[in-house]
Amino acid sequence: MFTIEQIQEAHSKVKSGADFPAYIQEFKTLGVTRYETYVTDGHTDYFGEKGYTAIAPAKYAALNIAEMSDMNQFTNDLKAHQQGKTDYPTFCRDAANAGVEKWLVCMDEMTCTYVDKGGTLLLMEVIPR
């Protein structure tokens, strides 16, 4: 199974949201089946087959997640990130300001789902293969 060190190595190759599809393909190769990233501090829970889990520690100081979500702003911020116009820390701050609590990535379905504090699905995207 995968290790946090392997995950960090894959993550080190990502410079912007434009690199996300290749990043996901590398995760699939490692055996990651899904993961959840928490915007508050950037920690991520990774899941593999047969109940395997690995938890990466916080990546940055805690951010406040907005109580009310702003999907128009988040959609614009996400698009900018996917086009390589923002780095990961900026994207995380933008997500927090827009009320995104976490995102969930499912390798089988090749989706990335953004949810708010109440667990409401804000946006689901299909990840390019």
N, C-alpha and C. Protein backbone atom coordinates (compact mmCIF):
# COMPACT_ATOMS: atom_id res chain seq x y z
N MET A 1 0.82 -1.19 0.00
CA MET A 1 0.00 0.00 0.00
C MET A 1 0.87 1.26 0.00
N PHE A 2 0.23 2.36 -0.23
CA PHE A 2 0.91 3.64 -0.34
C PHE A 2 1.29 4.19 1.03
N THR A 3 2.25 5.10 1.00
CA THR A 3 2.69 5.78 2.23
C THR A 3 2.47 7.28 2.07
N ILE A 4 2.50 7.98 3.18
CA ILE A 4 2.40 9.44 3.14
C ILE A 4 3.59 10.02 2.37
N GLU A 5 4.74 9.40 2.47
CA GLU A 5 5.92 9.89 1.73
C GLU A 5 5.68 9.81 0.22
N GLN A 6 5.06 8.72 -0.25
CA GLN A 6 4.74 8.60 -1.67
C GLN A 6 3.72 9.65 -2.09
N ILE A 7 2.75 9.88 -1.23
CA ILE A 7 1.74 10.90 -1.50
C ILE A 7 2.41 12.27 -1.60
N GLN A 8 3.30 12.58 -0.67
CA GLN A 8 3.99 13.87 -0.67
C GLN A 8 4.85 14.03 -1.91
N GLU A 9 5.48 12.95 -2.36
CA GLU A 9 6.29 13.00 -3.58
C GLU A 9 5.41 13.34 -4.78
N ALA A 10 4.25 12.72 -4.88
CA ALA A 10 3.32 13.01 -5.98
C ALA A 10 2.86 14.46 -5.88
N HIS A 11 2.56 14.90 -4.67
CA HIS A 11 2.07 16.26 -4.47
C HIS A 11 3.13 17.31 -4.83
N SER A 12 4.39 16.97 -4.62
CA SER A 12 5.47 17.93 -4.91
C SER A 12 5.56 18.27 -6.40
N LYS A 13 4.98 17.44 -7.25
CA LYS A 13 5.01 17.66 -8.69
C LYS A 13 3.92 18.61 -9.16
N VAL A 14 2.97 18.91 -8.29
CA VAL A 14 1.82 19.74 -8.67
C VAL A 14 2.17 21.21 -8.43
N LYS A 15 2.07 22.00 -9.47
CA LYS A 15 2.35 23.43 -9.37
C LYS A 15 1.06 24.25 -9.40
N SER A 16 0.03 23.72 -10.05
CA SER A 16 -1.26 24.42 -10.13
C SER A 16 -2.36 23.40 -10.41
N GLY A 17 -3.58 23.88 -10.46
CA GLY A 17 -4.71 23.02 -10.75
C GLY A 17 -4.62 22.36 -12.12
N ALA A 18 -3.83 22.93 -13.01
CA ALA A 18 -3.65 22.35 -14.34
C ALA A 18 -2.97 20.98 -14.25
N ASP A 19 -2.23 20.73 -13.18
CA ASP A 19 -1.52 19.47 -13.00
C ASP A 19 -2.38 18.39 -12.33
N PHE A 20 -3.59 18.73 -11.93
CA PHE A 20 -4.44 17.84 -11.14
C PHE A 20 -4.73 16.49 -11.81
N PRO A 21 -5.09 16.44 -13.10
CA PRO A 21 -5.38 15.13 -13.71
C PRO A 21 -4.20 14.15 -13.64
N ALA A 22 -2.99 14.61 -13.90
CA ALA A 22 -1.82 13.73 -13.82
C ALA A 22 -1.57 13.29 -12.38
N TYR A 23 -1.81 14.17 -11.44
CA TYR A 23 -1.68 13.88 -10.01
C TYR A 23 -2.62 12.74 -9.63
N ILE A 24 -3.85 12.80 -10.08
CA ILE A 24 -4.84 11.77 -9.77
C ILE A 24 -4.43 10.44 -10.39
N GLN A 25 -3.91 10.46 -11.59
CA GLN A 25 -3.46 9.20 -12.22
C GLN A 25 -2.33 8.56 -11.42
N GLU A 26 -1.43 9.38 -10.88
CA GLU A 26 -0.35 8.85 -10.06
C GLU A 26 -0.91 8.24 -8.77
N PHE A 27 -1.91 8.88 -8.18
CA PHE A 27 -2.55 8.32 -6.99
C PHE A 27 -3.17 6.97 -7.28
N LYS A 28 -3.83 6.85 -8.42
CA LYS A 28 -4.44 5.58 -8.78
C LYS A 28 -3.38 4.48 -8.87
N THR A 29 -2.23 4.83 -9.45
CA THR A 29 -1.13 3.87 -9.56
C THR A 29 -0.63 3.44 -8.18
N LEU A 30 -0.64 4.36 -7.22
CA LEU A 30 -0.20 4.05 -5.86
C LEU A 30 -1.20 3.19 -5.09
N GLY A 31 -2.45 3.16 -5.56
CA GLY A 31 -3.47 2.38 -4.86
C GLY A 31 -4.44 3.21 -4.04
N VAL A 32 -4.41 4.53 -4.18
CA VAL A 32 -5.36 5.39 -3.49
C VAL A 32 -6.71 5.24 -4.20
N THR A 33 -7.77 4.93 -3.45
CA THR A 33 -9.10 4.79 -4.05
C THR A 33 -9.93 6.06 -3.88
N ARG A 34 -9.67 6.82 -2.81
CA ARG A 34 -10.34 8.09 -2.59
C ARG A 34 -9.58 8.86 -1.51
N TYR A 35 -9.87 10.15 -1.42
CA TYR A 35 -9.31 10.96 -0.34
C TYR A 35 -10.20 12.15 -0.06
N GLU A 36 -10.03 12.69 1.14
CA GLU A 36 -10.77 13.87 1.59
C GLU A 36 -9.77 14.89 2.11
N THR A 37 -9.81 16.08 1.54
CA THR A 37 -8.93 17.17 1.97
C THR A 37 -9.77 18.21 2.68
N TYR A 38 -9.34 18.58 3.88
CA TYR A 38 -10.05 19.55 4.72
C TYR A 38 -9.41 20.92 4.55
N VAL A 39 -10.20 21.87 4.10
CA VAL A 39 -9.70 23.21 3.80
C VAL A 39 -9.20 23.92 5.06
N THR A 40 -9.77 23.63 6.20
CA THR A 40 -9.40 24.31 7.44
C THR A 40 -7.89 24.35 7.66
N ASP A 41 -7.23 23.20 7.52
CA ASP A 41 -5.78 23.16 7.76
C ASP A 41 -5.00 22.37 6.70
N GLY A 42 -5.70 21.87 5.69
CA GLY A 42 -5.05 21.14 4.60
C GLY A 42 -4.74 19.69 4.89
N HIS A 43 -5.15 19.16 6.05
CA HIS A 43 -4.87 17.74 6.28
C HIS A 43 -5.75 16.90 5.37
N THR A 44 -5.26 15.72 5.03
CA THR A 44 -5.96 14.86 4.08
C THR A 44 -5.99 13.43 4.61
N ASP A 45 -7.15 12.81 4.47
CA ASP A 45 -7.34 11.40 4.79
C ASP A 45 -7.36 10.63 3.47
N TYR A 46 -6.45 9.67 3.33
CA TYR A 46 -6.35 8.86 2.12
C TYR A 46 -6.85 7.46 2.40
N PHE A 47 -7.54 6.88 1.44
CA PHE A 47 -8.13 5.55 1.60
C PHE A 47 -7.70 4.66 0.44
N GLY A 48 -7.44 3.39 0.79
CA GLY A 48 -7.10 2.40 -0.22
C GLY A 48 -7.98 1.18 -0.05
N GLU A 49 -7.62 0.12 -0.72
CA GLU A 49 -8.39 -1.11 -0.66
C GLU A 49 -8.28 -1.76 0.72
N LYS A 50 -9.28 -2.59 1.02
CA LYS A 50 -9.34 -3.37 2.26
C LYS A 50 -9.25 -2.51 3.52
N GLY A 51 -9.83 -1.32 3.46
CA GLY A 51 -9.89 -0.47 4.64
C GLY A 51 -8.60 0.26 4.97
N TYR A 52 -7.61 0.22 4.09
CA TYR A 52 -6.34 0.89 4.35
C TYR A 52 -6.55 2.40 4.39
N THR A 53 -5.96 3.08 5.37
CA THR A 53 -6.01 4.53 5.46
C THR A 53 -4.64 5.09 5.83
N ALA A 54 -4.41 6.29 5.41
CA ALA A 54 -3.21 7.05 5.78
C ALA A 54 -3.66 8.50 5.91
N ILE A 55 -3.19 9.17 6.95
CA ILE A 55 -3.60 10.54 7.20
C ILE A 55 -2.38 11.46 7.14
N ALA A 56 -2.47 12.43 6.25
CA ALA A 56 -1.40 13.42 6.14
C ALA A 56 -1.70 14.57 7.10
N PRO A 57 -0.68 15.09 7.74
CA PRO A 57 -0.89 16.17 8.72
C PRO A 57 -1.29 17.49 8.07
N ALA A 58 -1.64 18.44 8.90
CA ALA A 58 -1.99 19.79 8.45
C ALA A 58 -0.85 20.36 7.62
N LYS A 59 -1.20 21.16 6.62
CA LYS A 59 -0.21 21.76 5.73
C LYS A 59 0.01 23.24 6.01
N TYR A 60 -0.94 23.86 6.74
CA TYR A 60 -0.84 25.30 6.96
C TYR A 60 -1.64 25.66 8.21
N ALA A 61 -1.46 26.89 8.65
CA ALA A 61 -2.21 27.39 9.81
C ALA A 61 -3.70 27.39 9.49
N ALA A 62 -4.50 27.21 10.50
CA ALA A 62 -5.95 27.07 10.32
C ALA A 62 -6.56 28.29 9.64
N LEU A 63 -7.45 27.99 8.70
CA LEU A 63 -8.24 29.00 8.01
C LEU A 63 -9.66 28.96 8.55
N ASN A 64 -10.32 30.09 8.54
CA ASN A 64 -11.74 30.14 8.91
C ASN A 64 -12.56 29.86 7.66
N ILE A 65 -13.50 28.93 7.77
CA ILE A 65 -14.39 28.61 6.66
C ILE A 65 -15.62 29.51 6.77
N ALA A 66 -15.96 30.21 5.71
CA ALA A 66 -17.12 31.09 5.71
C ALA A 66 -18.39 30.29 6.01
N GLU A 67 -19.26 30.87 6.78
CA GLU A 67 -20.52 30.21 7.15
C GLU A 67 -21.45 30.06 5.95
N MET A 68 -21.46 31.05 5.09
CA MET A 68 -22.31 31.03 3.90
C MET A 68 -21.45 30.76 2.67
N SER A 69 -21.89 29.84 1.85
CA SER A 69 -21.12 29.53 0.65
C SER A 69 -21.46 30.52 -0.46
N ASP A 70 -20.47 30.78 -1.29
CA ASP A 70 -20.60 31.68 -2.42
C ASP A 70 -20.13 30.92 -3.66
N MET A 71 -21.07 30.21 -4.28
CA MET A 71 -20.70 29.35 -5.40
C MET A 71 -20.23 30.12 -6.62
N ASN A 72 -20.76 31.30 -6.86
CA ASN A 72 -20.27 32.08 -8.00
C ASN A 72 -18.80 32.41 -7.84
N GLN A 73 -18.44 32.89 -6.64
CA GLN A 73 -17.04 33.22 -6.41
C GLN A 73 -16.17 31.96 -6.46
N PHE A 74 -16.64 30.89 -5.83
CA PHE A 74 -15.84 29.67 -5.83
C PHE A 74 -15.64 29.13 -7.24
N THR A 75 -16.68 29.16 -8.06
CA THR A 75 -16.56 28.68 -9.44
C THR A 75 -15.51 29.49 -10.19
N ASN A 76 -15.50 30.80 -10.00
CA ASN A 76 -14.48 31.65 -10.64
C ASN A 76 -13.09 31.34 -10.12
N ASP A 77 -12.97 31.17 -8.80
CA ASP A 77 -11.66 30.86 -8.20
C ASP A 77 -11.15 29.50 -8.66
N LEU A 78 -12.05 28.52 -8.73
CA LEU A 78 -11.66 27.18 -9.17
C LEU A 78 -11.20 27.20 -10.62
N LYS A 79 -11.92 27.90 -11.45
CA LYS A 79 -11.54 28.00 -12.86
C LYS A 79 -10.15 28.63 -13.00
N ALA A 80 -9.91 29.70 -12.24
CA ALA A 80 -8.59 30.35 -12.27
C ALA A 80 -7.50 29.38 -11.83
N HIS A 81 -7.78 28.61 -10.79
CA HIS A 81 -6.79 27.65 -10.30
C HIS A 81 -6.53 26.55 -11.34
N GLN A 82 -7.58 26.06 -11.95
CA GLN A 82 -7.43 25.01 -12.95
C GLN A 82 -6.67 25.50 -14.18
N GLN A 83 -6.71 26.78 -14.42
CA GLN A 83 -5.98 27.36 -15.55
C GLN A 83 -4.54 27.72 -15.18
N GLY A 84 -4.15 27.40 -13.93
CA GLY A 84 -2.78 27.66 -13.51
C GLY A 84 -2.53 29.08 -13.06
N LYS A 85 -3.58 29.86 -12.80
CA LYS A 85 -3.42 31.26 -12.43
C LYS A 85 -3.19 31.46 -10.93
N THR A 86 -3.46 30.43 -10.11
CA THR A 86 -3.22 30.54 -8.66
C THR A 86 -2.49 29.31 -8.18
N ASP A 87 -1.77 29.46 -7.07
CA ASP A 87 -1.10 28.32 -6.46
C ASP A 87 -2.04 27.66 -5.45
N TYR A 88 -1.59 26.54 -4.88
CA TYR A 88 -2.43 25.77 -3.97
C TYR A 88 -2.82 26.56 -2.71
N PRO A 89 -1.89 27.25 -2.04
CA PRO A 89 -2.29 28.01 -0.85
C PRO A 89 -3.37 29.07 -1.17
N THR A 90 -3.24 29.72 -2.30
CA THR A 90 -4.24 30.71 -2.69
C THR A 90 -5.59 30.04 -2.92
N PHE A 91 -5.58 28.91 -3.61
CA PHE A 91 -6.82 28.19 -3.85
C PHE A 91 -7.49 27.79 -2.54
N CYS A 92 -6.72 27.32 -1.58
CA CYS A 92 -7.29 26.92 -0.29
C CYS A 92 -7.91 28.13 0.43
N ARG A 93 -7.24 29.27 0.41
CA ARG A 93 -7.82 30.48 1.01
C ARG A 93 -9.10 30.89 0.30
N ASP A 94 -9.07 30.81 -1.02
CA ASP A 94 -10.27 31.15 -1.81
C ASP A 94 -11.42 30.21 -1.46
N ALA A 95 -11.12 28.91 -1.35
CA ALA A 95 -12.16 27.92 -1.02
C ALA A 95 -12.75 28.22 0.37
N ALA A 96 -11.89 28.52 1.34
CA ALA A 96 -12.37 28.84 2.69
C ALA A 96 -13.27 30.07 2.66
N ASN A 97 -12.87 31.09 1.93
CA ASN A 97 -13.67 32.31 1.83
C ASN A 97 -15.01 32.07 1.15
N ALA A 98 -15.06 31.05 0.30
CA ALA A 98 -16.30 30.73 -0.42
C ALA A 98 -17.15 29.71 0.34
N GLY A 99 -16.72 29.29 1.53
CA GLY A 99 -17.51 28.38 2.34
C GLY A 99 -17.31 26.91 2.06
N VAL A 100 -16.23 26.54 1.39
CA VAL A 100 -15.94 25.12 1.12
C VAL A 100 -15.21 24.54 2.32
N GLU A 101 -15.78 23.50 2.92
CA GLU A 101 -15.13 22.86 4.06
C GLU A 101 -14.11 21.81 3.62
N LYS A 102 -14.46 21.04 2.59
CA LYS A 102 -13.55 19.99 2.13
C LYS A 102 -13.91 19.60 0.71
N TRP A 103 -12.97 18.84 0.11
CA TRP A 103 -13.30 18.20 -1.16
C TRP A 103 -12.96 16.73 -1.05
N LEU A 104 -13.76 15.95 -1.78
CA LEU A 104 -13.64 14.50 -1.77
C LEU A 104 -13.34 14.05 -3.19
N VAL A 105 -12.30 13.27 -3.34
CA VAL A 105 -11.93 12.78 -4.66
C VAL A 105 -12.12 11.27 -4.68
N CYS A 106 -12.88 10.79 -5.66
CA CYS A 106 -13.14 9.37 -5.83
C CYS A 106 -12.46 8.91 -7.12
N MET A 107 -11.52 7.99 -6.99
CA MET A 107 -10.76 7.52 -8.15
C MET A 107 -11.62 6.65 -9.07
N ASP A 108 -12.51 5.84 -8.50
CA ASP A 108 -13.35 4.97 -9.33
C ASP A 108 -14.27 5.78 -10.23
N GLU A 109 -14.88 6.80 -9.66
CA GLU A 109 -15.81 7.63 -10.42
C GLU A 109 -15.12 8.79 -11.14
N MET A 110 -13.85 9.04 -10.77
CA MET A 110 -13.08 10.16 -11.30
C MET A 110 -13.86 11.47 -11.11
N THR A 111 -14.24 11.70 -9.84
CA THR A 111 -14.95 12.92 -9.49
C THR A 111 -14.26 13.63 -8.34
N CYS A 112 -14.46 14.93 -8.29
CA CYS A 112 -14.02 15.76 -7.18
C CYS A 112 -15.26 16.53 -6.73
N THR A 113 -15.64 16.33 -5.47
CA THR A 113 -16.86 16.91 -4.93
C THR A 113 -16.49 17.89 -3.82
N TYR A 114 -17.01 19.10 -3.91
CA TYR A 114 -16.77 20.13 -2.92
C TYR A 114 -18.02 20.24 -2.04
N VAL A 115 -17.82 20.28 -0.71
CA VAL A 115 -18.96 20.35 0.21
C VAL A 115 -18.73 21.45 1.24
N ASP A 116 -19.84 21.94 1.81
CA ASP A 116 -19.76 22.98 2.83
C ASP A 116 -19.79 22.37 4.23
N LYS A 117 -19.81 23.22 5.24
CA LYS A 117 -19.79 22.76 6.63
C LYS A 117 -20.97 21.86 6.99
N GLY A 118 -22.10 22.07 6.36
CA GLY A 118 -23.29 21.28 6.64
C GLY A 118 -23.35 19.99 5.85
N GLY A 119 -22.32 19.73 5.04
CA GLY A 119 -22.29 18.52 4.22
C GLY A 119 -23.05 18.66 2.91
N THR A 120 -23.45 19.88 2.59
CA THR A 120 -24.17 20.11 1.34
C THR A 120 -23.21 20.08 0.16
N LEU A 121 -23.55 19.32 -0.86
CA LEU A 121 -22.75 19.25 -2.07
C LEU A 121 -22.86 20.59 -2.78
N LEU A 122 -21.72 21.23 -2.97
CA LEU A 122 -21.69 22.53 -3.65
C LEU A 122 -21.40 22.38 -5.13
N LEU A 123 -20.51 21.46 -5.45
CA LEU A 123 -20.10 21.27 -6.84
C LEU A 123 -19.47 19.89 -6.98
N MET A 124 -19.81 19.20 -8.06
CA MET A 124 -19.15 17.93 -8.38
C MET A 124 -18.60 18.04 -9.79
N GLU A 125 -17.33 17.76 -9.93
CA GLU A 125 -16.68 17.82 -11.24
C GLU A 125 -16.17 16.45 -11.63
N VAL A 126 -16.19 16.18 -12.91
CA VAL A 126 -15.56 14.98 -13.44
C VAL A 126 -14.11 15.34 -13.72
N ILE A 127 -13.19 14.50 -13.25
CA ILE A 127 -11.76 14.74 -13.45
C ILE A 127 -11.36 14.22 -14.83
N PRO A 128 -10.72 15.06 -15.65
CA PRO A 128 -10.28 14.58 -16.97
C PRO A 128 -9.32 13.40 -16.84
N ARG A 129 -9.47 12.47 -17.72
CA ARG A 129 -8.61 11.27 -17.70
C ARG A 129 -7.37 11.47 -18.51
